[in-house]
Amino acid sequence: MSTTPKGDSAELKLAVQTFIMRGADRDRKADRARIDRLVEAIDIVIQDIVCERDGLVERVKKTINQAGTVSKRKLARRDSPTTTPIVEFKRAEKRLDRLTSQKHELEAARAQFLLWANSSYSN
């Protein structure tokens, strides 16, 4: 669907002469709002990663610090353990590495995005 005026060139000429673009300040505000929303979304994801990491670290510490009898009771309650504690700790370590990597990559992406945004929209 075209929004170009139909008809003779006089109608087009009138449309061109009367067209007024919204103010540049309004455009800057709209651009800045989009930039802010993206930065906020990245910050939320980084915070989710930090919460997951902190929770996993706390669970590992809690397990390590438990008395042997508590750990044995927990193992005994499992219907049929399909893994060993060593395997679980290795999985936790891999997950922590992955979360650290994700956090650093998102922080770097956020910084690069802000550099671009500030240089592109500083006027």
PDB file of N, CA and C in Angstrom:
ATOM      1  N   MET A   1       0.857  -1.176   0.000  1.00  0.00           N
ATOM      2  CA  MET A   1       0.000   0.000   0.000  1.00  0.00           C
ATOM      3  C   MET A   1       0.896   1.229   0.000  1.00  0.00           C
ATOM      4  N   SER A   2       0.703   2.085  -0.966  1.00  0.00           N
ATOM      5  CA  SER A   2       1.528   3.278  -1.093  1.00  0.00           C
ATOM      6  C   SER A   2       0.837   4.459  -0.428  1.00  0.00           C
ATOM      7  N   THR A   3       1.647   5.311   0.202  1.00  0.00           N
ATOM      8  CA  THR A   3       1.095   6.527   0.808  1.00  0.00           C
ATOM      9  C   THR A   3       1.408   7.749  -0.039  1.00  0.00           C
ATOM     10  N   THR A   4       1.968   7.516  -1.217  1.00  0.00           N
ATOM     11  CA  THR A   4       2.271   8.609  -2.132  1.00  0.00           C
ATOM     12  C   THR A   4       0.965   9.172  -2.686  1.00  0.00           C
ATOM     13  N   PRO A   5       0.823  10.495  -2.687  1.00  0.00           N
ATOM     14  CA  PRO A   5      -0.412  11.079  -3.227  1.00  0.00           C
ATOM     15  C   PRO A   5      -0.604  10.684  -4.692  1.00  0.00           C
ATOM     16  N   LYS A   6      -1.817  10.321  -5.018  1.00  0.00           N
ATOM     17  CA  LYS A   6      -2.143   9.944  -6.397  1.00  0.00           C
ATOM     18  C   LYS A   6      -2.649  11.181  -7.137  1.00  0.00           C
ATOM     19  N   GLY A   7      -2.609  11.100  -8.392  1.00  0.00           N
ATOM     20  CA  GLY A   7      -3.160  12.203  -9.180  1.00  0.00           C
ATOM     21  C   GLY A   7      -2.087  13.003  -9.859  1.00  0.00           C
ATOM     22  N   ASP A   8      -2.404  14.240 -10.086  1.00  0.00           N
ATOM     23  CA  ASP A   8      -1.481  15.080 -10.863  1.00  0.00           C
ATOM     24  C   ASP A   8      -0.283  15.534 -10.022  1.00  0.00           C
ATOM     25  N   SER A   9       0.651  16.119 -10.674  1.00  0.00           N
ATOM     26  CA  SER A   9       1.870  16.568 -10.005  1.00  0.00           C
ATOM     27  C   SER A   9       1.586  17.720  -9.039  1.00  0.00           C
ATOM     28  N   ALA A  10       0.504  18.442  -9.233  1.00  0.00           N
ATOM     29  CA  ALA A  10       0.169  19.543  -8.320  1.00  0.00           C
ATOM     30  C   ALA A  10      -0.135  18.982  -6.927  1.00  0.00           C
ATOM     31  N   GLU A  11      -0.833  17.844  -6.883  1.00  0.00           N
ATOM     32  CA  GLU A  11      -1.162  17.217  -5.596  1.00  0.00           C
ATOM     33  C   GLU A  11       0.116  16.748  -4.902  1.00  0.00           C
ATOM     34  N   LEU A  12       1.022  16.151  -5.659  1.00  0.00           N
ATOM     35  CA  LEU A  12       2.297  15.693  -5.110  1.00  0.00           C
ATOM     36  C   LEU A  12       3.127  16.893  -4.636  1.00  0.00           C
ATOM     37  N   LYS A  13       3.139  17.944  -5.413  1.00  0.00           N
ATOM     38  CA  LYS A  13       3.904  19.144  -5.069  1.00  0.00           C
ATOM     39  C   LYS A  13       3.373  19.747  -3.767  1.00  0.00           C
ATOM     40  N   LEU A  14       2.054  19.765  -3.616  1.00  0.00           N
ATOM     41  CA  LEU A  14       1.445  20.299  -2.399  1.00  0.00           C
ATOM     42  C   LEU A  14       1.810  19.427  -1.200  1.00  0.00           C
ATOM     43  N   ALA A  15       1.771  18.103  -1.391  1.00  0.00           N
ATOM     44  CA  ALA A  15       2.127  17.185  -0.306  1.00  0.00           C
ATOM     45  C   ALA A  15       3.573  17.397   0.124  1.00  0.00           C
ATOM     46  N   VAL A  16       4.462  17.534  -0.830  1.00  0.00           N
ATOM     47  CA  VAL A  16       5.876  17.747  -0.520  1.00  0.00           C
ATOM     48  C   VAL A  16       6.072  19.087   0.184  1.00  0.00           C
ATOM     49  N   GLN A  17       5.366  20.101  -0.243  1.00  0.00           N
ATOM     50  CA  GLN A  17       5.529  21.431   0.353  1.00  0.00           C
ATOM     51  C   GLN A  17       4.975  21.494   1.776  1.00  0.00           C
ATOM     52  N   THR A  18       4.007  20.661   2.098  1.00  0.00           N
ATOM     53  CA  THR A  18       3.377  20.752   3.420  1.00  0.00           C
ATOM     54  C   THR A  18       3.858  19.690   4.411  1.00  0.00           C
ATOM     55  N   PHE A  19       4.692  18.768   3.937  1.00  0.00           N
ATOM     56  CA  PHE A  19       5.186  17.710   4.829  1.00  0.00           C
ATOM     57  C   PHE A  19       6.102  18.292   5.893  1.00  0.00           C
ATOM     58  N   ILE A  20       5.872  17.887   7.136  1.00  0.00           N
ATOM     59  CA  ILE A  20       6.716  18.333   8.248  1.00  0.00           C
ATOM     60  C   ILE A  20       7.130  17.090   9.034  1.00  0.00           C
ATOM     61  N   MET A  21       8.407  16.885   9.117  1.00  0.00           N
ATOM     62  CA  MET A  21       8.951  15.771   9.888  1.00  0.00           C
ATOM     63  C   MET A  21       8.907  16.146  11.354  1.00  0.00           C
ATOM     64  N   ARG A  22       8.674  15.138  12.205  1.00  0.00           N
ATOM     65  CA  ARG A  22       8.666  15.447  13.643  1.00  0.00           C
ATOM     66  C   ARG A  22      10.045  15.937  14.066  1.00  0.00           C
ATOM     67  N   GLY A  23      10.095  16.572  15.213  1.00  0.00           N
ATOM     68  CA  GLY A  23      11.331  17.203  15.677  1.00  0.00           C
ATOM     69  C   GLY A  23      12.447  16.212  15.957  1.00  0.00           C
ATOM     70  N   ALA A  24      13.669  16.653  15.751  1.00  0.00           N
ATOM     71  CA  ALA A  24      14.846  15.819  15.993  1.00  0.00           C
ATOM     72  C   ALA A  24      14.954  15.428  17.459  1.00  0.00           C
ATOM     73  N   ASP A  25      14.501  16.302  18.354  1.00  0.00           N
ATOM     74  CA  ASP A  25      14.537  15.995  19.782  1.00  0.00           C
ATOM     75  C   ASP A  25      13.648  14.793  20.093  1.00  0.00           C
ATOM     76  N   ARG A  26      12.517  14.726  19.465  1.00  0.00           N
ATOM     77  CA  ARG A  26      11.605  13.593  19.655  1.00  0.00           C
ATOM     78  C   ARG A  26      12.241  12.304  19.126  1.00  0.00           C
ATOM     79  N   ASP A  27      12.923  12.383  17.993  1.00  0.00           N
ATOM     80  CA  ASP A  27      13.625  11.217  17.454  1.00  0.00           C
ATOM     81  C   ASP A  27      14.717  10.753  18.417  1.00  0.00           C
ATOM     82  N   ARG A  28      15.481  11.702  18.956  1.00  0.00           N
ATOM     83  CA  ARG A  28      16.544  11.351  19.902  1.00  0.00           C
ATOM     84  C   ARG A  28      15.971  10.670  21.141  1.00  0.00           C
ATOM     85  N   LYS A  29      14.854  11.170  21.627  1.00  0.00           N
ATOM     86  CA  LYS A  29      14.222  10.563  22.807  1.00  0.00           C
ATOM     87  C   LYS A  29      13.749   9.137  22.505  1.00  0.00           C
ATOM     88  N   ALA A  30      13.181   8.931  21.341  1.00  0.00           N
ATOM     89  CA  ALA A  30      12.730   7.580  20.951  1.00  0.00           C
ATOM     90  C   ALA A  30      13.919   6.634  20.818  1.00  0.00           C
ATOM     91  N   ASP A  31      14.988   7.113  20.187  1.00  0.00           N
ATOM     92  CA  ASP A  31      16.198   6.290  20.041  1.00  0.00           C
ATOM     93  C   ASP A  31      16.787   5.956  21.409  1.00  0.00           C
ATOM     94  N   ARG A  32      16.889   6.955  22.266  1.00  0.00           N
ATOM     95  CA  ARG A  32      17.456   6.748  23.603  1.00  0.00           C
ATOM     96  C   ARG A  32      16.604   5.762  24.405  1.00  0.00           C
ATOM     97  N   ALA A  33      15.287   5.830  24.279  1.00  0.00           N
ATOM     98  CA  ALA A  33      14.407   4.903  24.997  1.00  0.00           C
ATOM     99  C   ALA A  33      14.654   3.463  24.541  1.00  0.00           C
ATOM    100  N   ARG A  34      14.840   3.262  23.229  1.00  0.00           N
ATOM    101  CA  ARG A  34      15.129   1.910  22.729  1.00  0.00           C
ATOM    102  C   ARG A  34      16.478   1.422  23.241  1.00  0.00           C
ATOM    103  N   ILE A  35      17.455   2.294  23.226  1.00  0.00           N
ATOM    104  CA  ILE A  35      18.790   1.937  23.735  1.00  0.00           C
ATOM    105  C   ILE A  35      18.697   1.560  25.216  1.00  0.00           C
ATOM    106  N   ASP A  36      17.995   2.365  25.980  1.00  0.00           N
ATOM    107  CA  ASP A  36      17.853   2.098  27.414  1.00  0.00           C
ATOM    108  C   ASP A  36      17.158   0.764  27.677  1.00  0.00           C
ATOM    109  N   ARG A  37      16.140   0.446  26.874  1.00  0.00           N
ATOM    110  CA  ARG A  37      15.439  -0.836  27.057  1.00  0.00           C
ATOM    111  C   ARG A  37      16.353  -2.022  26.767  1.00  0.00           C
ATOM    112  N   LEU A  38      17.185  -1.901  25.755  1.00  0.00           N
ATOM    113  CA  LEU A  38      18.108  -2.984  25.429  1.00  0.00           C
ATOM    114  C   LEU A  38      19.158  -3.152  26.523  1.00  0.00           C
ATOM    115  N   VAL A  39      19.704  -2.063  27.008  1.00  0.00           N
ATOM    116  CA  VAL A  39      20.686  -2.131  28.091  1.00  0.00           C
ATOM    117  C   VAL A  39      20.044  -2.739  29.342  1.00  0.00           C
ATOM    118  N   GLU A  40      18.815  -2.341  29.632  1.00  0.00           N
ATOM    119  CA  GLU A  40      18.104  -2.900  30.784  1.00  0.00           C
ATOM    120  C   GLU A  40      17.888  -4.401  30.620  1.00  0.00           C
ATOM    121  N   ALA A  41      17.539  -4.843  29.421  1.00  0.00           N
ATOM    122  CA  ALA A  41      17.343  -6.273  29.177  1.00  0.00           C
ATOM    123  C   ALA A  41      18.641  -7.050  29.394  1.00  0.00           C
ATOM    124  N   ILE A  42      19.745  -6.499  28.915  1.00  0.00           N
ATOM    125  CA  ILE A  42      21.047  -7.148  29.121  1.00  0.00           C
ATOM    126  C   ILE A  42      21.360  -7.205  30.612  1.00  0.00           C
ATOM    127  N   ASP A  43      21.100  -6.113  31.330  1.00  0.00           N
ATOM    128  CA  ASP A  43      21.355  -6.078  32.773  1.00  0.00           C
ATOM    129  C   ASP A  43      20.527  -7.124  33.516  1.00  0.00           C
ATOM    130  N   ILE A  44      19.282  -7.307  33.097  1.00  0.00           N
ATOM    131  CA  ILE A  44      18.410  -8.311  33.726  1.00  0.00           C
ATOM    132  C   ILE A  44      18.973  -9.713  33.508  1.00  0.00           C
ATOM    133  N   VAL A  45      19.417  -9.993  32.301  1.00  0.00           N
ATOM    134  CA  VAL A  45      19.989 -11.307  32.008  1.00  0.00           C
ATOM    135  C   VAL A  45      21.272 -11.524  32.813  1.00  0.00           C
ATOM    136  N   ILE A  46      22.111 -10.500  32.912  1.00  0.00           N
ATOM    137  CA  ILE A  46      23.334 -10.617  33.714  1.00  0.00           C
ATOM    138  C   ILE A  46      22.974 -10.891  35.166  1.00  0.00           C
ATOM    139  N   GLN A  47      21.968 -10.216  35.678  1.00  0.00           N
ATOM    140  CA  GLN A  47      21.550 -10.439  37.071  1.00  0.00           C
ATOM    141  C   GLN A  47      21.016 -11.854  37.258  1.00  0.00           C
ATOM    142  N   ASP A  48      20.286 -12.395  36.277  1.00  0.00           N
ATOM    143  CA  ASP A  48      19.815 -13.783  36.344  1.00  0.00           C
ATOM    144  C   ASP A  48      21.000 -14.748  36.420  1.00  0.00           C
ATOM    145  N   ILE A  49      22.020 -14.480  35.618  1.00  0.00           N
ATOM    146  CA  ILE A  49      23.221 -15.324  35.620  1.00  0.00           C
ATOM    147  C   ILE A  49      23.894 -15.274  36.992  1.00  0.00           C
ATOM    148  N   VAL A  50      24.034 -14.087  37.553  1.00  0.00           N
ATOM    149  CA  VAL A  50      24.662 -13.920  38.859  1.00  0.00           C
ATOM    150  C   VAL A  50      23.870 -14.671  39.935  1.00  0.00           C
ATOM    151  N   CYS A  51      22.545 -14.569  39.888  1.00  0.00           N
ATOM    152  CA  CYS A  51      21.708 -15.268  40.872  1.00  0.00           C
ATOM    153  C   CYS A  51      21.857 -16.788  40.754  1.00  0.00           C
ATOM    154  N   GLU A  52      21.842 -17.286  39.519  1.00  0.00           N
ATOM    155  CA  GLU A  52      22.021 -18.731  39.328  1.00  0.00           C
ATOM    156  C   GLU A  52      23.394 -19.160  39.835  1.00  0.00           C
ATOM    157  N   ARG A  53      24.428 -18.404  39.480  1.00  0.00           N
ATOM    158  CA  ARG A  53      25.789 -18.736  39.913  1.00  0.00           C
ATOM    159  C   ARG A  53      25.896 -18.729  41.438  1.00  0.00           C
ATOM    160  N   ASP A  54      25.392 -17.672  42.064  1.00  0.00           N
ATOM    161  CA  ASP A  54      25.474 -17.570  43.523  1.00  0.00           C
ATOM    162  C   ASP A  54      24.710 -18.705  44.205  1.00  0.00           C
ATOM    163  N   GLY A  55      23.559 -19.058  43.661  1.00  0.00           N
ATOM    164  CA  GLY A  55      22.776 -20.158  44.222  1.00  0.00           C
ATOM    165  C   GLY A  55      23.502 -21.490  44.111  1.00  0.00           C
ATOM    166  N   LEU A  56      24.120 -21.731  42.966  1.00  0.00           N
ATOM    167  CA  LEU A  56      24.856 -22.977  42.769  1.00  0.00           C
ATOM    168  C   LEU A  56      26.074 -23.034  43.686  1.00  0.00           C
ATOM    169  N   VAL A  57      26.802 -21.931  43.803  1.00  0.00           N
ATOM    170  CA  VAL A  57      27.962 -21.883  44.705  1.00  0.00           C
ATOM    171  C   VAL A  57      27.524 -22.173  46.133  1.00  0.00           C
ATOM    172  N   GLU A  58      26.408 -21.578  46.549  1.00  0.00           N
ATOM    173  CA  GLU A  58      25.904 -21.793  47.908  1.00  0.00           C
ATOM    174  C   GLU A  58      25.528 -23.257  48.135  1.00  0.00           C
ATOM    175  N   ARG A  59      24.886 -23.873  47.147  1.00  0.00           N
ATOM    176  CA  ARG A  59      24.520 -25.293  47.273  1.00  0.00           C
ATOM    177  C   ARG A  59      25.752 -26.179  47.377  1.00  0.00           C
ATOM    178  N   VAL A  60      26.773 -25.892  46.577  1.00  0.00           N
ATOM    179  CA  VAL A  60      28.011 -26.678  46.631  1.00  0.00           C
ATOM    180  C   VAL A  60      28.681 -26.503  47.993  1.00  0.00           C
ATOM    181  N   LYS A  61      28.792 -25.265  48.466  1.00  0.00           N
ATOM    182  CA  LYS A  61      29.407 -25.015  49.771  1.00  0.00           C
ATOM    183  C   LYS A  61      28.648 -25.717  50.885  1.00  0.00           C
ATOM    184  N   LYS A  62      27.328 -25.631  50.810  1.00  0.00           N
ATOM    185  CA  LYS A  62      26.487 -26.253  51.832  1.00  0.00           C
ATOM    186  C   LYS A  62      26.697 -27.766  51.847  1.00  0.00           C
ATOM    187  N   THR A  63      26.777 -28.358  50.677  1.00  0.00           N
ATOM    188  CA  THR A  63      26.995 -29.799  50.585  1.00  0.00           C
ATOM    189  C   THR A  63      28.362 -30.177  51.138  1.00  0.00           C
ATOM    190  N   ILE A  64      29.380 -29.402  50.789  1.00  0.00           N
ATOM    191  CA  ILE A  64      30.741 -29.694  51.262  1.00  0.00           C
ATOM    192  C   ILE A  64      30.830 -29.559  52.777  1.00  0.00           C
ATOM    193  N   ASN A  65      30.131 -28.589  53.342  1.00  0.00           N
ATOM    194  CA  ASN A  65      30.211 -28.324  54.774  1.00  0.00           C
ATOM    195  C   ASN A  65      29.304 -29.204  55.627  1.00  0.00           C
ATOM    196  N   GLN A  66      28.448 -30.004  54.995  1.00  0.00           N
ATOM    197  CA  GLN A  66      27.543 -30.859  55.773  1.00  0.00           C
ATOM    198  C   GLN A  66      28.323 -31.952  56.483  1.00  0.00           C
ATOM    199  N   ALA A  67      27.783 -32.338  57.597  1.00  0.00           N
ATOM    200  CA  ALA A  67      28.371 -33.479  58.303  1.00  0.00           C
ATOM    201  C   ALA A  67      28.188 -34.730  57.448  1.00  0.00           C
ATOM    202  N   GLY A  68      29.094 -35.686  57.601  1.00  0.00           N
ATOM    203  CA  GLY A  68      29.054 -36.918  56.817  1.00  0.00           C
ATOM    204  C   GLY A  68      27.753 -37.677  56.959  1.00  0.00           C
ATOM    205  N   THR A  69      27.163 -37.674  58.145  1.00  0.00           N
ATOM    206  CA  THR A  69      25.915 -38.429  58.346  1.00  0.00           C
ATOM    207  C   THR A  69      24.760 -37.824  57.562  1.00  0.00           C
ATOM    208  N   VAL A  70      24.718 -36.503  57.463  1.00  0.00           N
ATOM    209  CA  VAL A  70      23.652 -35.854  56.696  1.00  0.00           C
ATOM    210  C   VAL A  70      23.784 -36.222  55.220  1.00  0.00           C
ATOM    211  N   SER A  71      25.000 -36.190  54.707  1.00  0.00           N
ATOM    212  CA  SER A  71      25.226 -36.543  53.308  1.00  0.00           C
ATOM    213  C   SER A  71      24.856 -37.988  53.042  1.00  0.00           C
ATOM    214  N   LYS A  72      25.214 -38.875  53.966  1.00  0.00           N
ATOM    215  CA  LYS A  72      24.884 -40.294  53.793  1.00  0.00           C
ATOM    216  C   LYS A  72      23.374 -40.497  53.785  1.00  0.00           C
ATOM    217  N   ARG A  73      22.651 -39.782  54.663  1.00  0.00           N
ATOM    218  CA  ARG A  73      21.184 -39.897  54.676  1.00  0.00           C
ATOM    219  C   ARG A  73      20.582 -39.426  53.363  1.00  0.00           C
ATOM    220  N   LYS A  74      21.128 -38.339  52.827  1.00  0.00           N
ATOM    221  CA  LYS A  74      20.621 -37.840  51.534  1.00  0.00           C
ATOM    222  C   LYS A  74      20.857 -38.857  50.438  1.00  0.00           C
ATOM    223  N   LEU A  75      22.033 -39.462  50.420  1.00  0.00           N
ATOM    224  CA  LEU A  75      22.324 -40.478  49.413  1.00  0.00           C
ATOM    225  C   LEU A  75      21.410 -41.681  49.580  1.00  0.00           C
ATOM    226  N   ALA A  76      21.137 -42.045  50.816  1.00  0.00           N
ATOM    227  CA  ALA A  76      20.282 -43.201  51.082  1.00  0.00           C
ATOM    228  C   ALA A  76      18.841 -42.940  50.640  1.00  0.00           C
ATOM    229  N   ARG A  77      18.409 -41.687  50.669  1.00  0.00           N
ATOM    230  CA  ARG A  77      17.031 -41.349  50.266  1.00  0.00           C
ATOM    231  C   ARG A  77      16.824 -41.427  48.767  1.00  0.00           C
ATOM    232  N   ARG A  78      17.870 -41.343  47.994  1.00  0.00           N
ATOM    233  CA  ARG A  78      17.722 -41.433  46.544  1.00  0.00           C
ATOM    234  C   ARG A  78      17.263 -42.840  46.185  1.00  0.00           C
ATOM    235  N   ASP A  79      16.235 -42.919  45.367  1.00  0.00           N
ATOM    236  CA  ASP A  79      15.720 -44.236  44.971  1.00  0.00           C
ATOM    237  C   ASP A  79      16.783 -45.047  44.247  1.00  0.00           C
ATOM    238  N   SER A  80      17.322 -44.470  43.219  1.00  0.00           N
ATOM    239  CA  SER A  80      18.375 -45.158  42.464  1.00  0.00           C
ATOM    240  C   SER A  80      19.301 -44.106  41.879  1.00  0.00           C
ATOM    241  N   PRO A  81      20.370 -43.800  42.608  1.00  0.00           N
ATOM    242  CA  PRO A  81      21.290 -42.782  42.107  1.00  0.00           C
ATOM    243  C   PRO A  81      21.806 -43.152  40.723  1.00  0.00           C
ATOM    244  N   THR A  82      21.721 -42.206  39.808  1.00  0.00           N
ATOM    245  CA  THR A  82      22.175 -42.465  38.439  1.00  0.00           C
ATOM    246  C   THR A  82      23.537 -41.841  38.181  1.00  0.00           C
ATOM    247  N   THR A  83      24.090 -41.215  39.200  1.00  0.00           N
ATOM    248  CA  THR A  83      25.370 -40.540  39.040  1.00  0.00           C
ATOM    249  C   THR A  83      26.122 -40.576  40.355  1.00  0.00           C
ATOM    250  N   THR A  84      27.346 -40.120  40.337  1.00  0.00           N
ATOM    251  CA  THR A  84      28.151 -40.071  41.556  1.00  0.00           C
ATOM    252  C   THR A  84      28.362 -38.619  41.958  1.00  0.00           C
ATOM    253  N   PRO A  85      28.687 -38.400  43.241  1.00  0.00           N
ATOM    254  CA  PRO A  85      28.931 -37.019  43.676  1.00  0.00           C
ATOM    255  C   PRO A  85      30.059 -36.347  42.899  1.00  0.00           C
ATOM    256  N   ILE A  86      31.089 -37.102  42.544  1.00  0.00           N
ATOM    257  CA  ILE A  86      32.192 -36.519  41.773  1.00  0.00           C
ATOM    258  C   ILE A  86      31.673 -35.999  40.434  1.00  0.00           C
ATOM    259  N   VAL A  87      30.840 -36.800  39.776  1.00  0.00           N
ATOM    260  CA  VAL A  87      30.265 -36.391  38.488  1.00  0.00           C
ATOM    261  C   VAL A  87      29.416 -35.133  38.683  1.00  0.00           C
ATOM    262  N   GLU A  88      28.652 -35.078  39.754  1.00  0.00           N
ATOM    263  CA  GLU A  88      27.793 -33.919  40.024  1.00  0.00           C
ATOM    264  C   GLU A  88      28.628 -32.667  40.285  1.00  0.00           C
ATOM    265  N   PHE A  89      29.709 -32.804  41.038  1.00  0.00           N
ATOM    266  CA  PHE A  89      30.582 -31.650  41.280  1.00  0.00           C
ATOM    267  C   PHE A  89      31.235 -31.179  39.980  1.00  0.00           C
ATOM    268  N   LYS A  90      31.613 -32.105  39.129  1.00  0.00           N
ATOM    269  CA  LYS A  90      32.200 -31.727  37.839  1.00  0.00           C
ATOM    270  C   LYS A  90      31.179 -31.010  36.975  1.00  0.00           C
ATOM    271  N   ARG A  91      29.930 -31.484  37.011  1.00  0.00           N
ATOM    272  CA  ARG A  91      28.857 -30.796  36.268  1.00  0.00           C
ATOM    273  C   ARG A  91      28.653 -29.386  36.818  1.00  0.00           C
ATOM    274  N   ALA A  92      28.690 -29.260  38.143  1.00  0.00           N
ATOM    275  CA  ALA A  92      28.535 -27.940  38.773  1.00  0.00           C
ATOM    276  C   ALA A  92      29.681 -27.027  38.359  1.00  0.00           C
ATOM    277  N   GLU A  93      30.886 -27.563  38.332  1.00  0.00           N
ATOM    278  CA  GLU A  93      32.046 -26.770  37.930  1.00  0.00           C
ATOM    279  C   GLU A  93      31.917 -26.304  36.480  1.00  0.00           C
ATOM    280  N   LYS A  94      31.480 -27.186  35.596  1.00  0.00           N
ATOM    281  CA  LYS A  94      31.273 -26.812  34.190  1.00  0.00           C
ATOM    282  C   LYS A  94      30.201 -25.733  34.067  1.00  0.00           C
ATOM    283  N   ARG A  95      29.131 -25.892  34.845  1.00  0.00           N
ATOM    284  CA  ARG A  95      28.053 -24.899  34.796  1.00  0.00           C
ATOM    285  C   ARG A  95      28.553 -23.545  35.290  1.00  0.00           C
ATOM    286  N   LEU A  96      29.328 -23.542  36.355  1.00  0.00           N
ATOM    287  CA  LEU A  96      29.878 -22.282  36.869  1.00  0.00           C
ATOM    288  C   LEU A  96      30.782 -21.622  35.831  1.00  0.00           C
ATOM    289  N   ASP A  97      31.596 -22.430  35.154  1.00  0.00           N
ATOM    290  CA  ASP A  97      32.449 -21.884  34.085  1.00  0.00           C
ATOM    291  C   ASP A  97      31.601 -21.277  32.979  1.00  0.00           C
ATOM    292  N   ARG A  98      30.541 -21.994  32.617  1.00  0.00           N
ATOM    293  CA  ARG A  98      29.660 -21.517  31.540  1.00  0.00           C
ATOM    294  C   ARG A  98      28.976 -20.208  31.940  1.00  0.00           C
ATOM    295  N   LEU A  99      28.494 -20.139  33.175  1.00  0.00           N
ATOM    296  CA  LEU A  99      27.840 -18.914  33.652  1.00  0.00           C
ATOM    297  C   LEU A  99      28.815 -17.742  33.689  1.00  0.00           C
ATOM    298  N   THR A 100      30.044 -17.999  34.127  1.00  0.00           N
ATOM    299  CA  THR A 100      31.062 -16.945  34.152  1.00  0.00           C
ATOM    300  C   THR A 100      31.329 -16.439  32.740  1.00  0.00           C
ATOM    301  N   SER A 101      31.443 -17.367  31.809  1.00  0.00           N
ATOM    302  CA  SER A 101      31.675 -16.999  30.413  1.00  0.00           C
ATOM    303  C   SER A 101      30.512 -16.171  29.858  1.00  0.00           C
ATOM    304  N   GLN A 102      29.288 -16.622  30.119  1.00  0.00           N
ATOM    305  CA  GLN A 102      28.116 -15.882  29.647  1.00  0.00           C
ATOM    306  C   GLN A 102      28.098 -14.470  30.211  1.00  0.00           C
ATOM    307  N   LYS A 103      28.386 -14.348  31.498  1.00  0.00           N
ATOM    308  CA  LYS A 103      28.374 -13.037  32.155  1.00  0.00           C
ATOM    309  C   LYS A 103      29.412 -12.103  31.511  1.00  0.00           C
ATOM    310  N   HIS A 104      30.624 -12.614  31.323  1.00  0.00           N
ATOM    311  CA  HIS A 104      31.675 -11.784  30.719  1.00  0.00           C
ATOM    312  C   HIS A 104      31.326 -11.395  29.280  1.00  0.00           C
ATOM    313  N   GLU A 105      30.790 -12.330  28.521  1.00  0.00           N
ATOM    314  CA  GLU A 105      30.423 -12.042  27.134  1.00  0.00           C
ATOM    315  C   GLU A 105      29.300 -11.009  27.055  1.00  0.00           C
ATOM    316  N   LEU A 106      28.312 -11.116  27.929  1.00  0.00           N
ATOM    317  CA  LEU A 106      27.227 -10.129  27.931  1.00  0.00           C
ATOM    318  C   LEU A 106      27.714  -8.759  28.390  1.00  0.00           C
ATOM    319  N   GLU A 107      28.601  -8.731  29.375  1.00  0.00           N
ATOM    320  CA  GLU A 107      29.148  -7.448  29.820  1.00  0.00           C
ATOM    321  C   GLU A 107      29.951  -6.791  28.689  1.00  0.00           C
ATOM    322  N   ALA A 108      30.703  -7.593  27.959  1.00  0.00           N
ATOM    323  CA  ALA A 108      31.466  -7.050  26.829  1.00  0.00           C
ATOM    324  C   ALA A 108      30.532  -6.556  25.731  1.00  0.00           C
ATOM    325  N   ALA A 109      29.484  -7.322  25.445  1.00  0.00           N
ATOM    326  CA  ALA A 109      28.515  -6.915  24.420  1.00  0.00           C
ATOM    327  C   ALA A 109      27.808  -5.626  24.846  1.00  0.00           C
ATOM    328  N   ARG A 110      27.467  -5.527  26.117  1.00  0.00           N
ATOM    329  CA  ARG A 110      26.819  -4.318  26.648  1.00  0.00           C
ATOM    330  C   ARG A 110      27.737  -3.117  26.462  1.00  0.00           C
ATOM    331  N   ALA A 111      29.013  -3.280  26.815  1.00  0.00           N
ATOM    332  CA  ALA A 111      29.975  -2.183  26.686  1.00  0.00           C
ATOM    333  C   ALA A 111      30.130  -1.761  25.224  1.00  0.00           C
ATOM    334  N   GLN A 112      30.238  -2.731  24.322  1.00  0.00           N
ATOM    335  CA  GLN A 112      30.365  -2.419  22.891  1.00  0.00           C
ATOM    336  C   GLN A 112      29.112  -1.708  22.377  1.00  0.00           C
ATOM    337  N   PHE A 113      27.960  -2.188  22.794  1.00  0.00           N
ATOM    338  CA  PHE A 113      26.712  -1.562  22.368  1.00  0.00           C
ATOM    339  C   PHE A 113      26.644  -0.121  22.850  1.00  0.00           C
ATOM    340  N   LEU A 114      27.024   0.108  24.097  1.00  0.00           N
ATOM    341  CA  LEU A 114      26.983   1.473  24.634  1.00  0.00           C
ATOM    342  C   LEU A 114      27.985   2.382  23.922  1.00  0.00           C
ATOM    343  N   LEU A 115      29.157   1.855  23.582  1.00  0.00           N
ATOM    344  CA  LEU A 115      30.113   2.656  22.802  1.00  0.00           C
ATOM    345  C   LEU A 115      29.496   3.067  21.471  1.00  0.00           C
ATOM    346  N   TRP A 116      28.892   2.096  20.803  1.00  0.00           N
ATOM    347  CA  TRP A 116      28.243   2.391  19.520  1.00  0.00           C
ATOM    348  C   TRP A 116      27.108   3.394  19.710  1.00  0.00           C
ATOM    349  N   ALA A 117      26.258   3.141  20.685  1.00  0.00           N
ATOM    350  CA  ALA A 117      25.099   4.016  20.900  1.00  0.00           C
ATOM    351  C   ALA A 117      25.534   5.438  21.235  1.00  0.00           C
ATOM    352  N   ASN A 118      26.525   5.558  22.089  1.00  0.00           N
ATOM    353  CA  ASN A 118      26.977   6.895  22.479  1.00  0.00           C
ATOM    354  C   ASN A 118      27.645   7.638  21.327  1.00  0.00           C
ATOM    355  N   SER A 119      28.351   6.913  20.480  1.00  0.00           N
ATOM    356  CA  SER A 119      28.986   7.580  19.341  1.00  0.00           C
ATOM    357  C   SER A 119      27.974   7.873  18.225  1.00  0.00           C
ATOM    358  N   SER A 120      26.994   7.023  18.069  1.00  0.00           N
ATOM    359  CA  SER A 120      25.999   7.196  16.995  1.00  0.00           C
ATOM    360  C   SER A 120      24.903   8.193  17.346  1.00  0.00           C
ATOM    361  N   TYR A 121      24.600   8.304  18.635  1.00  0.00           N
ATOM    362  CA  TYR A 121      23.464   9.129  19.034  1.00  0.00           C
ATOM    363  C   TYR A 121      23.861  10.254  19.981  1.00  0.00           C
ATOM    364  N   SER A 122      25.112  10.671  19.910  1.00  0.00           N
ATOM    365  CA  SER A 122      25.548  11.738  20.794  1.00  0.00           C
ATOM    366  C   SER A 122      25.110  13.121  20.293  1.00  0.00           C
ATOM    367  N   ASN A 123      24.722  13.198  19.028  1.00  0.00           N
ATOM    368  CA  ASN A 123      24.312  14.502  18.470  1.00  0.00           C
ATOM    369  C   ASN A 123      22.871  14.784  18.749  1.00  0.00           C
TER     370      ASN A 123
END
